[in-house]
């Protein structure tokens, strides 16, 4: 595996991430169904599986449903939650990630569950996984914005899909102004990121947001037929982070039923804002089909 400096740093960051978080049980990024970690203290986003399903469950379930049960490639699979769900449905899954530790955890967990998945350590950007007309579905779950040249990866995705094979993507488009303001505010709260930096060495991995472009309809449509596309304003994911800060750091006993009441309204508001403030969306869901070979 050939890596540049930023990729070596990226691999080390996620290796350490898994080494630290694996002490707390089964995280949501290992098993979507059986996660039991509650809140992992050094991570700033909510790691409670109940909270995760409240605001990301519909998107995750949609990706799982749309992927089908054929031969599937999970690019940037992390510790394997999505590969695991697809294999549980009957898919023949290959998962690739740059972190040796994440792949090690994914392999051990799949074996424990009695599920066959081919996991590989590799740099998805070198496209060594490319295989002409091979896959029924290829998936990017929040990984391509960690690569320098997503367009190069997309070209290999197209080559690797069978005719009428699909590419499914959920990825970060960049922070909108609300997220930027919230991040700036968080950075001035004494000790907000202290535990994360102590545990991982930095607030973000070296590859966070490094992409020269993001996966949008305009980027994908020249090479594949986009069949479904939706952009999200998504400031709602700040609420679980705020909930975690108040619960874990400030030790305020906030009942989770309040989130269950608030989040559906905020998801509705999020959809409204996505329509009225079109230049400030920060996530996109996309499905594209390869309509001919070659």
Foldseek 3Di string as FASTA:
>chain_A
DDDDPLLVLQQLLLLLVCVQQVVQPAWCLQALVDHDRAADPLALFGRHSVLCCLFCVVVLVVVLVVQDAEEEEEEQSFLNHSVLSNQVRRHAYEYEHQHPNSQVNNVVVCVVVVTDHHYDHDDLLVLPVQDAQAGLEYEAEAPLLLDAEVLSSLVSVLRRHHAFRKYKYKYWQDAFPVVVVVVVVQVPPPPSNVSNCVSRVDNDRSSHRNYPGDDACVSNVVQFAWDDKDFWLDPLSVVSSVVCCCCPVVVDPDDCVVVVVPSVVVRVVRRVCCVVVVVRTTIMITMTTNNDHD
